[in-house]
PDB file of all heavy atoms in Angstrom:
ATOM      1  N   VAL A   1       0.833  -1.207  -0.001  1.00  0.00           N
ATOM      2  CA  VAL A   1       0.000   0.002   0.003  1.00  0.00           C
ATOM      3  C   VAL A   1       0.869   1.254  -0.003  1.00  0.00           C
ATOM      4  O   VAL A   1       0.658   2.175  -0.803  1.00  0.00           O
ATOM      5  CB  VAL A   1      -0.952   0.000   1.212  1.00  0.00           C
ATOM      6  CG1 VAL A   1      -1.524   1.383   1.473  1.00  0.00           C
ATOM      7  CG2 VAL A   1      -2.086  -1.003   1.012  1.00  0.00           C
ATOM      8  N   LEU A   2       1.844   1.308   0.876  1.00  0.00           N
ATOM      9  CA  LEU A   2       2.688   2.499   0.951  1.00  0.00           C
ATOM     10  C   LEU A   2       3.540   2.655  -0.296  1.00  0.00           C
ATOM     11  O   LEU A   2       3.744   3.777  -0.783  1.00  0.00           O
ATOM     12  CB  LEU A   2       3.571   2.439   2.190  1.00  0.00           C
ATOM     13  CG  LEU A   2       2.864   2.717   3.510  1.00  0.00           C
ATOM     14  CD1 LEU A   2       3.798   2.538   4.673  1.00  0.00           C
ATOM     15  CD2 LEU A   2       2.272   4.122   3.536  1.00  0.00           C
ATOM     16  N   GLY A   3       4.049   1.537  -0.826  1.00  0.00           N
ATOM     17  CA  GLY A   3       4.836   1.612  -2.057  1.00  0.00           C
ATOM     18  C   GLY A   3       4.015   2.156  -3.207  1.00  0.00           C
ATOM     19  O   GLY A   3       4.475   3.015  -3.975  1.00  0.00           O
ATOM     20  N   ALA A   4       2.777   1.676  -3.351  1.00  0.00           N
ATOM     21  CA  ALA A   4       1.903   2.142  -4.423  1.00  0.00           C
ATOM     22  C   ALA A   4       1.545   3.609  -4.249  1.00  0.00           C
ATOM     23  O   ALA A   4       1.500   4.380  -5.218  1.00  0.00           O
ATOM     24  CB  ALA A   4       0.635   1.290  -4.467  1.00  0.00           C
ATOM     25  N   ALA A   5       1.302   4.028  -2.989  1.00  0.00           N
ATOM     26  CA  ALA A   5       0.953   5.422  -2.749  1.00  0.00           C
ATOM     27  C   ALA A   5       2.133   6.350  -3.011  1.00  0.00           C
ATOM     28  O   ALA A   5       1.965   7.418  -3.594  1.00  0.00           O
ATOM     29  CB  ALA A   5       0.481   5.578  -1.288  1.00  0.00           C
ATOM     30  N   CYS A   6       3.332   5.924  -2.620  1.00  0.00           N
ATOM     31  CA  CYS A   6       4.527   6.739  -2.890  1.00  0.00           C
ATOM     32  C   CYS A   6       4.761   6.856  -4.393  1.00  0.00           C
ATOM     33  O   CYS A   6       5.138   7.926  -4.900  1.00  0.00           O
ATOM     34  CB  CYS A   6       5.740   6.122  -2.225  1.00  0.00           C
ATOM     35  SG  CYS A   6       5.803   6.300  -0.428  1.00  0.00           S
ATOM     36  N   ASP A   7       4.520   5.768  -5.131  1.00  0.00           N
ATOM     37  CA  ASP A   7       4.687   5.826  -6.597  1.00  0.00           C
ATOM     38  C   ASP A   7       3.651   6.746  -7.232  1.00  0.00           C
ATOM     39  O   ASP A   7       3.950   7.436  -8.214  1.00  0.00           O
ATOM     40  CB  ASP A   7       4.538   4.413  -7.183  1.00  0.00           C
ATOM     41  CG  ASP A   7       5.710   3.519  -6.870  1.00  0.00           C
ATOM     42  OD1 ASP A   7       6.772   4.049  -6.491  1.00  0.00           O
ATOM     43  OD2 ASP A   7       5.568   2.274  -6.992  1.00  0.00           O
ATOM     44  N   ALA A   8       2.438   6.769  -6.679  1.00  0.00           N
ATOM     45  CA  ALA A   8       1.371   7.597  -7.252  1.00  0.00           C
ATOM     46  C   ALA A   8       1.501   9.059  -6.876  1.00  0.00           C
ATOM     47  O   ALA A   8       1.010   9.929  -7.592  1.00  0.00           O
ATOM     48  CB  ALA A   8      -0.001   7.060  -6.775  1.00  0.00           C
ATOM     49  N   ALA A   9       2.157   9.337  -5.749  1.00  0.00           N
ATOM     50  CA  ALA A   9       2.319  10.738  -5.310  1.00  0.00           C
ATOM     51  C   ALA A   9       3.328  11.449  -6.204  1.00  0.00           C
ATOM     52  O   ALA A   9       4.143  10.827  -6.892  1.00  0.00           O
ATOM     53  CB  ALA A   9       2.789  10.765  -3.864  1.00  0.00           C
ATOM     54  N   SER A  10       3.267  12.767  -6.205  1.00  0.00           N
ATOM     55  CA  SER A  10       4.185  13.567  -7.018  1.00  0.00           C
ATOM     56  C   SER A  10       5.249  14.274  -6.206  1.00  0.00           C
ATOM     57  O   SER A  10       6.222  14.747  -6.762  1.00  0.00           O
ATOM     58  CB  SER A  10       3.386  14.605  -7.823  1.00  0.00           C
ATOM     59  OG  SER A  10       2.640  15.445  -6.962  1.00  0.00           O
ATOM     60  N   SER A  11       5.106  14.337  -4.896  1.00  0.00           N
ATOM     61  CA  SER A  11       6.061  15.054  -4.043  1.00  0.00           C
ATOM     62  C   SER A  11       7.401  14.331  -3.950  1.00  0.00           C
ATOM     63  O   SER A  11       7.436  13.097  -3.821  1.00  0.00           O
ATOM     64  CB  SER A  11       5.482  15.241  -2.641  1.00  0.00           C
ATOM     65  OG  SER A  11       4.305  16.017  -2.697  1.00  0.00           O
ATOM     66  N   ASP A  12       8.485  15.085  -3.938  1.00  0.00           N
ATOM     67  CA  ASP A  12       9.822  14.500  -3.890  1.00  0.00           C
ATOM     68  C   ASP A  12      10.138  13.855  -2.546  1.00  0.00           C
ATOM     69  O   ASP A  12      10.921  12.919  -2.477  1.00  0.00           O
ATOM     70  CB  ASP A  12      10.873  15.569  -4.191  1.00  0.00           C
ATOM     71  CG  ASP A  12      10.838  16.029  -5.645  1.00  0.00           C
ATOM     72  OD1 ASP A  12      10.332  15.270  -6.485  1.00  0.00           O
ATOM     73  OD2 ASP A  12      11.314  17.141  -5.923  1.00  0.00           O
ATOM     74  N   TRP A  13       9.545  14.352  -1.465  1.00  0.00           N
ATOM     75  CA  TRP A  13       9.950  13.899  -0.130  1.00  0.00           C
ATOM     76  C   TRP A  13       9.654  12.425   0.101  1.00  0.00           C
ATOM     77  O   TRP A  13      10.269  11.801   0.962  1.00  0.00           O
ATOM     78  CB  TRP A  13       9.280  14.760   0.940  1.00  0.00           C
ATOM     79  CG  TRP A  13       7.859  14.394   1.278  1.00  0.00           C
ATOM     80  CD1 TRP A  13       6.739  14.790   0.609  1.00  0.00           C
ATOM     81  CD2 TRP A  13       7.412  13.576   2.362  1.00  0.00           C
ATOM     82  NE1 TRP A  13       5.621  14.258   1.196  1.00  0.00           N
ATOM     83  CE2 TRP A  13       5.994  13.530   2.282  1.00  0.00           C
ATOM     84  CE3 TRP A  13       8.041  12.894   3.399  1.00  0.00           C
ATOM     85  CZ2 TRP A  13       5.225  12.793   3.187  1.00  0.00           C
ATOM     86  CZ3 TRP A  13       7.265  12.171   4.300  1.00  0.00           C
ATOM     87  CH2 TRP A  13       5.872  12.133   4.187  1.00  0.00           C
ATOM     88  N   CYS A  14       8.711  11.855  -0.660  1.00  0.00           N
ATOM     89  CA  CYS A  14       8.320  10.451  -0.443  1.00  0.00           C
ATOM     90  C   CYS A  14       8.757   9.549  -1.582  1.00  0.00           C
ATOM     91  O   CYS A  14       8.225   8.452  -1.740  1.00  0.00           O
ATOM     92  CB  CYS A  14       6.806  10.355  -0.251  1.00  0.00           C
ATOM     93  SG  CYS A  14       5.837  10.980  -1.645  1.00  0.00           S
ATOM     94  N   LYS A  15       9.734   9.956  -2.361  1.00  0.00           N
ATOM     95  CA  LYS A  15      10.180   9.158  -3.512  1.00  0.00           C
ATOM     96  C   LYS A  15      11.417   8.312  -3.182  1.00  0.00           C
ATOM     97  O   LYS A  15      12.297   8.709  -2.431  1.00  0.00           O
ATOM     98  CB  LYS A  15      10.490  10.089  -4.685  1.00  0.00           C
ATOM     99  CG  LYS A  15       9.270  10.741  -5.301  1.00  0.00           C
ATOM    100  CD  LYS A  15       8.289   9.698  -5.841  1.00  0.00           C
ATOM    101  CE  LYS A  15       7.105  10.324  -6.526  1.00  0.00           C
ATOM    102  NZ  LYS A  15       6.133   9.310  -7.004  1.00  0.00           N
ATOM    103  N   GLY A  16      11.468   7.136  -3.797  1.00  0.00           N
ATOM    104  CA  GLY A  16      12.625   6.240  -3.675  1.00  0.00           C
ATOM    105  C   GLY A  16      12.731   5.577  -2.307  1.00  0.00           C
ATOM    106  O   GLY A  16      11.843   5.684  -1.464  1.00  0.00           O
ATOM    107  N   ASP A  17      13.863   4.892  -2.101  1.00  0.00           N
ATOM    108  CA  ASP A  17      14.080   4.214  -0.825  1.00  0.00           C
ATOM    109  C   ASP A  17      14.084   5.202   0.333  1.00  0.00           C
ATOM    110  O   ASP A  17      13.508   4.915   1.399  1.00  0.00           O
ATOM    111  CB  ASP A  17      15.416   3.467  -0.858  1.00  0.00           C
ATOM    112  CG  ASP A  17      15.419   2.308  -1.858  1.00  0.00           C
ATOM    113  OD1 ASP A  17      14.322   1.964  -2.365  1.00  0.00           O
ATOM    114  OD2 ASP A  17      16.499   1.760  -2.142  1.00  0.00           O
ATOM    115  N   ALA A  18      14.724   6.343   0.136  1.00  0.00           N
ATOM    116  CA  ALA A  18      14.760   7.355   1.206  1.00  0.00           C
ATOM    117  C   ALA A  18      13.358   7.881   1.498  1.00  0.00           C
ATOM    118  O   ALA A  18      13.035   8.171   2.654  1.00  0.00           O
ATOM    119  CB  ALA A  18      15.690   8.500   0.808  1.00  0.00           C
ATOM    120  N   GLY A  19      12.541   8.000   0.453  1.00  0.00           N
ATOM    121  CA  GLY A  19      11.181   8.496   0.648  1.00  0.00           C
ATOM    122  C   GLY A  19      10.346   7.548   1.487  1.00  0.00           C
ATOM    123  O   GLY A  19       9.573   7.976   2.345  1.00  0.00           O
ATOM    124  N   LEU A  20      10.492   6.247   1.241  1.00  0.00           N
ATOM    125  CA  LEU A  20       9.753   5.262   2.036  1.00  0.00           C
ATOM    126  C   LEU A  20      10.150   5.339   3.509  1.00  0.00           C
ATOM    127  O   LEU A  20       9.308   5.244   4.391  1.00  0.00           O
ATOM    128  CB  LEU A  20      10.016   3.858   1.500  1.00  0.00           C
ATOM    129  CG  LEU A  20       9.245   2.734   2.226  1.00  0.00           C
ATOM    130  CD1 LEU A  20       7.733   2.924   2.122  1.00  0.00           C
ATOM    131  CD2 LEU A  20       9.653   1.366   1.693  1.00  0.00           C
ATOM    132  N   ARG A  21      11.451   5.559   3.768  1.00  0.00           N
ATOM    133  CA  ARG A  21      11.901   5.698   5.155  1.00  0.00           C
ATOM    134  C   ARG A  21      11.287   6.933   5.801  1.00  0.00           C
ATOM    135  O   ARG A  21      10.957   6.924   6.978  1.00  0.00           O
ATOM    136  CB  ARG A  21      13.430   5.779   5.217  1.00  0.00           C
ATOM    137  CG  ARG A  21      14.190   4.584   4.706  1.00  0.00           C
ATOM    138  CD  ARG A  21      14.298   3.470   5.739  1.00  0.00           C
ATOM    139  NE  ARG A  21      13.054   2.755   5.951  1.00  0.00           N
ATOM    140  CZ  ARG A  21      12.613   1.760   5.171  1.00  0.00           C
ATOM    141  NH1 ARG A  21      13.306   1.401   4.107  1.00  0.00           N
ATOM    142  NH2 ARG A  21      11.482   1.157   5.420  1.00  0.00           N
ATOM    143  N   ARG A  22      11.150   8.010   5.044  1.00  0.00           N
ATOM    144  CA  ARG A  22      10.544   9.245   5.604  1.00  0.00           C
ATOM    145  C   ARG A  22       9.075   9.019   5.919  1.00  0.00           C
ATOM    146  O   ARG A  22       8.584   9.466   6.951  1.00  0.00           O
ATOM    147  CB  ARG A  22      10.720  10.412   4.627  1.00  0.00           C
ATOM    148  CG  ARG A  22      12.178  10.797   4.367  1.00  0.00           C
ATOM    149  CD  ARG A  22      12.258  12.061   3.527  1.00  0.00           C
ATOM    150  NE  ARG A  22      13.618  12.266   3.026  1.00  0.00           N
ATOM    151  CZ  ARG A  22      13.983  12.100   1.766  1.00  0.00           C
ATOM    152  NH1 ARG A  22      13.076  11.727   0.858  1.00  0.00           N
ATOM    153  NH2 ARG A  22      15.224  12.296   1.399  1.00  0.00           N
ATOM    154  N   VAL A  23       8.374   8.345   5.014  1.00  0.00           N
ATOM    155  CA  VAL A  23       6.957   8.056   5.272  1.00  0.00           C
ATOM    156  C   VAL A  23       6.808   7.145   6.468  1.00  0.00           C
ATOM    157  O   VAL A  23       5.911   7.322   7.306  1.00  0.00           O
ATOM    158  CB  VAL A  23       6.310   7.426   4.019  1.00  0.00           C
ATOM    159  CG1 VAL A  23       4.873   7.014   4.299  1.00  0.00           C
ATOM    160  CG2 VAL A  23       6.370   8.394   2.841  1.00  0.00           C
ATOM    161  N   GLU A  24       7.688   6.183   6.591  1.00  0.00           N
ATOM    162  CA  GLU A  24       7.713   5.303   7.748  1.00  0.00           C
ATOM    163  C   GLU A  24       7.884   6.110   9.029  1.00  0.00           C
ATOM    164  O   GLU A  24       7.192   5.858  10.042  1.00  0.00           O
ATOM    165  CB  GLU A  24       8.857   4.315   7.585  1.00  0.00           C
ATOM    166  CG  GLU A  24       9.018   3.268   8.641  1.00  0.00           C
ATOM    167  CD  GLU A  24      10.234   2.405   8.306  1.00  0.00           C
ATOM    168  OE1 GLU A  24      11.357   2.771   8.742  1.00  0.00           O
ATOM    169  OE2 GLU A  24      10.069   1.388   7.632  1.00  0.00           O
ATOM    170  N   ALA A  25       8.781   7.105   8.993  1.00  0.00           N
ATOM    171  CA  ALA A  25       8.986   7.973  10.160  1.00  0.00           C
ATOM    172  C   ALA A  25       7.763   8.813  10.478  1.00  0.00           C
ATOM    173  O   ALA A  25       7.423   9.052  11.627  1.00  0.00           O
ATOM    174  CB  ALA A  25      10.203   8.875   9.917  1.00  0.00           C
ATOM    175  N   ALA A  26       7.066   9.255   9.436  1.00  0.00           N
ATOM    176  CA  ALA A  26       5.833  10.028   9.628  1.00  0.00           C
ATOM    177  C   ALA A  26       4.782   9.179  10.329  1.00  0.00           C
ATOM    178  O   ALA A  26       4.104   9.629  11.268  1.00  0.00           O
ATOM    179  CB  ALA A  26       5.297  10.534   8.282  1.00  0.00           C
ATOM    180  N   LEU A  27       4.637   7.927   9.895  1.00  0.00           N
ATOM    181  CA  LEU A  27       3.676   7.018  10.521  1.00  0.00           C
ATOM    182  C   LEU A  27       4.064   6.746  11.967  1.00  0.00           C
ATOM    183  O   LEU A  27       3.211   6.638  12.860  1.00  0.00           O
ATOM    184  CB  LEU A  27       3.610   5.712   9.745  1.00  0.00           C
ATOM    185  CG  LEU A  27       3.026   5.792   8.322  1.00  0.00           C
ATOM    186  CD1 LEU A  27       3.124   4.422   7.636  1.00  0.00           C
ATOM    187  CD2 LEU A  27       1.588   6.270   8.349  1.00  0.00           C
ATOM    188  N   PHE A  28       5.354   6.632  12.202  1.00  0.00           N
ATOM    189  CA  PHE A  28       5.840   6.384  13.573  1.00  0.00           C
ATOM    190  C   PHE A  28       5.420   7.517  14.491  1.00  0.00           C
ATOM    191  O   PHE A  28       5.024   7.283  15.642  1.00  0.00           O
ATOM    192  CB  PHE A  28       7.364   6.260  13.520  1.00  0.00           C
ATOM    193  CG  PHE A  28       7.982   5.832  14.828  1.00  0.00           C
ATOM    194  CD1 PHE A  28       7.977   4.508  15.230  1.00  0.00           C
ATOM    195  CD2 PHE A  28       8.584   6.775  15.666  1.00  0.00           C
ATOM    196  CE1 PHE A  28       8.557   4.109  16.409  1.00  0.00           C
ATOM    197  CE2 PHE A  28       9.162   6.378  16.864  1.00  0.00           C
ATOM    198  CZ  PHE A  28       9.157   5.050  17.241  1.00  0.00           C
ATOM    199  N   MET A  29       5.473   8.745  13.997  1.00  0.00           N
ATOM    200  CA  MET A  29       5.067   9.883  14.817  1.00  0.00           C
ATOM    201  C   MET A  29       3.547   9.911  15.005  1.00  0.00           C
ATOM    202  O   MET A  29       3.052  10.157  16.096  1.00  0.00           O
ATOM    203  CB  MET A  29       5.543  11.193  14.188  1.00  0.00           C
ATOM    204  CG  MET A  29       7.051  11.407  14.278  1.00  0.00           C
ATOM    205  SD  MET A  29       7.669  11.345  15.984  1.00  0.00           S
ATOM    206  CE  MET A  29       6.869  12.793  16.683  1.00  0.00           C
ATOM    207  N   ILE A  30       2.814   9.664  13.936  1.00  0.00           N
ATOM    208  CA  ILE A  30       1.352   9.675  14.037  1.00  0.00           C
ATOM    209  C   ILE A  30       0.888   8.604  15.027  1.00  0.00           C
ATOM    210  O   ILE A  30      -0.041   8.836  15.819  1.00  0.00           O
ATOM    211  CB  ILE A  30       0.724   9.428  12.657  1.00  0.00           C
ATOM    212  CG1 ILE A  30       0.989  10.633  11.760  1.00  0.00           C
ATOM    213  CG2 ILE A  30      -0.791   9.190  12.771  1.00  0.00           C
ATOM    214  CD1 ILE A  30       0.594  10.409  10.310  1.00  0.00           C
ATOM    215  N   GLY A  31       1.556   7.462  15.013  1.00  0.00           N
ATOM    216  CA  GLY A  31       1.165   6.369  15.893  1.00  0.00           C
ATOM    217  C   GLY A  31       1.567   6.545  17.339  1.00  0.00           C
ATOM    218  O   GLY A  31       1.239   5.709  18.184  1.00  0.00           O
ATOM    219  N   TYR A  32       2.256   7.631  17.663  1.00  0.00           N
ATOM    220  CA  TYR A  32       2.671   7.891  19.044  1.00  0.00           C
ATOM    221  C   TYR A  32       1.477   7.945  19.980  1.00  0.00           C
ATOM    222  O   TYR A  32       1.502   7.378  21.075  1.00  0.00           O
ATOM    223  CB  TYR A  32       3.453   9.214  19.095  1.00  0.00           C
ATOM    224  CG  TYR A  32       3.891   9.644  20.474  1.00  0.00           C
ATOM    225  CD1 TYR A  32       5.034   9.098  21.049  1.00  0.00           C
ATOM    226  CD2 TYR A  32       3.190  10.594  21.211  1.00  0.00           C
ATOM    227  CE1 TYR A  32       5.453   9.483  22.304  1.00  0.00           C
ATOM    228  CE2 TYR A  32       3.588  10.979  22.460  1.00  0.00           C
ATOM    229  CZ  TYR A  32       4.730  10.431  23.016  1.00  0.00           C
ATOM    230  OH  TYR A  32       5.155  10.804  24.275  1.00  0.00           O
ATOM    231  N   ASP A  33       0.422   8.598  19.564  1.00  0.00           N
ATOM    232  CA  ASP A  33      -0.786   8.722  20.390  1.00  0.00           C
ATOM    233  C   ASP A  33      -1.956   8.963  19.446  1.00  0.00           C
ATOM    234  O   ASP A  33      -2.054  10.038  18.836  1.00  0.00           O
ATOM    235  CB  ASP A  33      -0.617   9.897  21.373  1.00  0.00           C
ATOM    236  CG  ASP A  33      -1.672   9.881  22.466  1.00  0.00           C
ATOM    237  OD1 ASP A  33      -2.457   8.934  22.526  1.00  0.00           O
ATOM    238  OD2 ASP A  33      -1.688  10.842  23.255  1.00  0.00           O
ATOM    239  N   ILE A  34      -2.841   7.996  19.319  1.00  0.00           N
ATOM    240  CA  ILE A  34      -3.951   8.092  18.380  1.00  0.00           C
ATOM    241  C   ILE A  34      -5.102   8.864  19.015  1.00  0.00           C
ATOM    242  O   ILE A  34      -5.524   8.537  20.130  1.00  0.00           O
ATOM    243  CB  ILE A  34      -4.439   6.691  17.963  1.00  0.00           C
ATOM    244  CG1 ILE A  34      -3.306   5.898  17.290  1.00  0.00           C
ATOM    245  CG2 ILE A  34      -5.650   6.784  17.030  1.00  0.00           C
ATOM    246  CD1 ILE A  34      -2.769   6.526  16.036  1.00  0.00           C
ATOM    247  N   PRO A  35      -5.627   9.888  18.337  1.00  0.00           N
ATOM    248  CA  PRO A  35      -6.763  10.638  18.890  1.00  0.00           C
ATOM    249  C   PRO A  35      -7.947   9.705  19.153  1.00  0.00           C
ATOM    250  O   PRO A  35      -8.214   8.788  18.381  1.00  0.00           O
ATOM    251  CB  PRO A  35      -7.104  11.640  17.776  1.00  0.00           C
ATOM    252  CG  PRO A  35      -5.829  11.788  17.009  1.00  0.00           C
ATOM    253  CD  PRO A  35      -5.182  10.438  17.052  1.00  0.00           C
ATOM    254  N   LEU A  36      -8.620   9.938  20.249  1.00  0.00           N
ATOM    255  CA  LEU A  36      -9.780   9.125  20.579  1.00  0.00           C
ATOM    256  C   LEU A  36     -10.859   9.322  19.512  1.00  0.00           C
ATOM    257  O   LEU A  36     -10.993  10.389  18.930  1.00  0.00           O
ATOM    258  CB  LEU A  36     -10.313   9.493  21.953  1.00  0.00           C
ATOM    259  CG  LEU A  36      -9.377   9.173  23.123  1.00  0.00           C
ATOM    260  CD1 LEU A  36      -9.970   9.701  24.431  1.00  0.00           C
ATOM    261  CD2 LEU A  36      -9.096   7.677  23.212  1.00  0.00           C
ATOM    262  N   ALA A  37     -11.616   8.264  19.297  1.00  0.00           N
ATOM    263  CA  ALA A  37     -12.641   8.283  18.244  1.00  0.00           C
ATOM    264  C   ALA A  37     -13.776   9.224  18.596  1.00  0.00           C
ATOM    265  O   ALA A  37     -14.133   9.419  19.764  1.00  0.00           O
ATOM    266  CB  ALA A  37     -13.190   6.874  18.042  1.00  0.00           C
ATOM    267  N   LYS A  38     -14.362   9.816  17.564  1.00  0.00           N
ATOM    268  CA  LYS A  38     -15.541  10.628  17.744  1.00  0.00           C
ATOM    269  C   LYS A  38     -16.766   9.713  17.936  1.00  0.00           C
ATOM    270  O   LYS A  38     -16.690   8.518  17.742  1.00  0.00           O
ATOM    271  CB  LYS A  38     -15.759  11.509  16.499  1.00  0.00           C
ATOM    272  CG  LYS A  38     -14.619  12.455  16.213  1.00  0.00           C
ATOM    273  CD  LYS A  38     -14.880  13.225  14.923  1.00  0.00           C
ATOM    274  CE  LYS A  38     -13.715  14.154  14.579  1.00  0.00           C
ATOM    275  NZ  LYS A  38     -13.948  14.866  13.300  1.00  0.00           N
ATOM    276  N   LYS A  39     -17.874  10.294  18.286  1.00  0.00           N
ATOM    277  CA  LYS A  39     -19.101   9.511  18.415  1.00  0.00           C
ATOM    278  C   LYS A  39     -19.452   8.912  17.068  1.00  0.00           C
ATOM    279  O   LYS A  39     -19.260   9.556  16.029  1.00  0.00           O
ATOM    280  CB  LYS A  39     -20.249  10.387  18.922  1.00  0.00           C
ATOM    281  CG  LYS A  39     -20.070  10.862  20.357  1.00  0.00           C
ATOM    282  CD  LYS A  39     -21.258  11.693  20.806  1.00  0.00           C
ATOM    283  CE  LYS A  39     -21.078  12.169  22.247  1.00  0.00           C
ATOM    284  NZ  LYS A  39     -22.234  12.975  22.695  1.00  0.00           N
ATOM    285  N   PRO A  40     -19.959   7.680  17.043  1.00  0.00           N
ATOM    286  CA  PRO A  40     -20.249   7.029  15.756  1.00  0.00           C
ATOM    287  C   PRO A  40     -21.336   7.737  14.972  1.00  0.00           C
ATOM    288  O   PRO A  40     -22.245   8.347  15.543  1.00  0.00           O
ATOM    289  CB  PRO A  40     -20.735   5.644  16.169  1.00  0.00           C
ATOM    290  CG  PRO A  40     -21.221   5.816  17.560  1.00  0.00           C
ATOM    291  CD  PRO A  40     -20.344   6.853  18.194  1.00  0.00           C
ATOM    292  N   ALA A  41     -21.200   7.665  13.656  1.00  0.00           N
ATOM    293  CA  ALA A  41     -22.222   8.258  12.785  1.00  0.00           C
ATOM    294  C   ALA A  41     -23.466   7.382  12.852  1.00  0.00           C
ATOM    295  O   ALA A  41     -23.466   6.238  13.281  1.00  0.00           O
ATOM    296  CB  ALA A  41     -21.697   8.321  11.349  1.00  0.00           C
ATOM    297  N   ARG A  42     -24.584   7.921  12.375  1.00  0.00           N
ATOM    298  CA  ARG A  42     -25.859   7.168  12.431  1.00  0.00           C
ATOM    299  C   ARG A  42     -25.837   5.951  11.538  1.00  0.00           C
ATOM    300  O   ARG A  42     -26.460   4.960  11.821  1.00  0.00           O
ATOM    301  CB  ARG A  42     -27.016   8.103  12.011  1.00  0.00           C
ATOM    302  CG  ARG A  42     -27.293   9.193  13.055  1.00  0.00           C
ATOM    303  CD  ARG A  42     -28.440  10.058  12.567  1.00  0.00           C
ATOM    304  NE  ARG A  42     -28.754  11.093  13.541  1.00  0.00           N
ATOM    305  CZ  ARG A  42     -29.590  10.920  14.566  1.00  0.00           C
ATOM    306  NH1 ARG A  42     -30.182   9.765  14.724  1.00  0.00           N
ATOM    307  NH2 ARG A  42     -29.850  11.909  15.406  1.00  0.00           N
ATOM    308  N   SER A  43     -25.158   6.055  10.404  1.00  0.00           N
ATOM    309  CA  SER A  43     -25.149   4.926   9.471  1.00  0.00           C
ATOM    310  C   SER A  43     -23.889   4.949   8.641  1.00  0.00           C
ATOM    311  O   SER A  43     -23.149   5.921   8.637  1.00  0.00           O
ATOM    312  CB  SER A  43     -26.356   4.980   8.542  1.00  0.00           C
ATOM    313  OG  SER A  43     -26.319   6.160   7.743  1.00  0.00           O
ATOM    314  N   GLY A  44     -23.615   3.850   7.966  1.00  0.00           N
ATOM    315  CA  GLY A  44     -22.484   3.768   7.068  1.00  0.00           C
ATOM    316  C   GLY A  44     -22.826   2.830   5.944  1.00  0.00           C
ATOM    317  O   GLY A  44     -23.842   2.140   5.974  1.00  0.00           O
ATOM    318  N   ARG A  45     -22.022   2.809   4.930  1.00  0.00           N
ATOM    319  CA  ARG A  45     -22.281   1.883   3.831  1.00  0.00           C
ATOM    320  C   ARG A  45     -20.996   1.103   3.568  1.00  0.00           C
ATOM    321  O   ARG A  45     -19.893   1.580   3.852  1.00  0.00           O
ATOM    322  CB  ARG A  45     -22.731   2.638   2.560  1.00  0.00           C
ATOM    323  CG  ARG A  45     -21.693   3.641   2.057  1.00  0.00           C
ATOM    324  CD  ARG A  45     -22.273   4.435   0.863  1.00  0.00           C
ATOM    325  NE  ARG A  45     -21.389   5.473   0.410  1.00  0.00           N
ATOM    326  CZ  ARG A  45     -20.393   5.295  -0.444  1.00  0.00           C
ATOM    327  NH1 ARG A  45     -20.159   4.095  -0.942  1.00  0.00           N
ATOM    328  NH2 ARG A  45     -19.634   6.303  -0.819  1.00  0.00           N
ATOM    329  N   SER A  46     -21.137  -0.061   3.035  1.00  0.00           N
ATOM    330  CA  SER A  46     -19.994  -0.921   2.809  1.00  0.00           C
ATOM    331  C   SER A  46     -19.158  -0.387   1.664  1.00  0.00           C
ATOM    332  O   SER A  46     -19.628   0.261   0.756  1.00  0.00           O
ATOM    333  CB  SER A  46     -20.448  -2.342   2.493  1.00  0.00           C
ATOM    334  OG  SER A  46     -21.191  -2.892   3.555  1.00  0.00           O
TER     335      SER A  46
END
């Protein structure tokens, strides 16, 4: 998934082997503390 997204993106910061490592670092920071979920919506669709 990340490889395909990096290939589809146009920004230089996420390109190549170094780009994948940067995206990995971004995910590492986001995963530090996940915001608590909001109240559920009334409905959803598959």
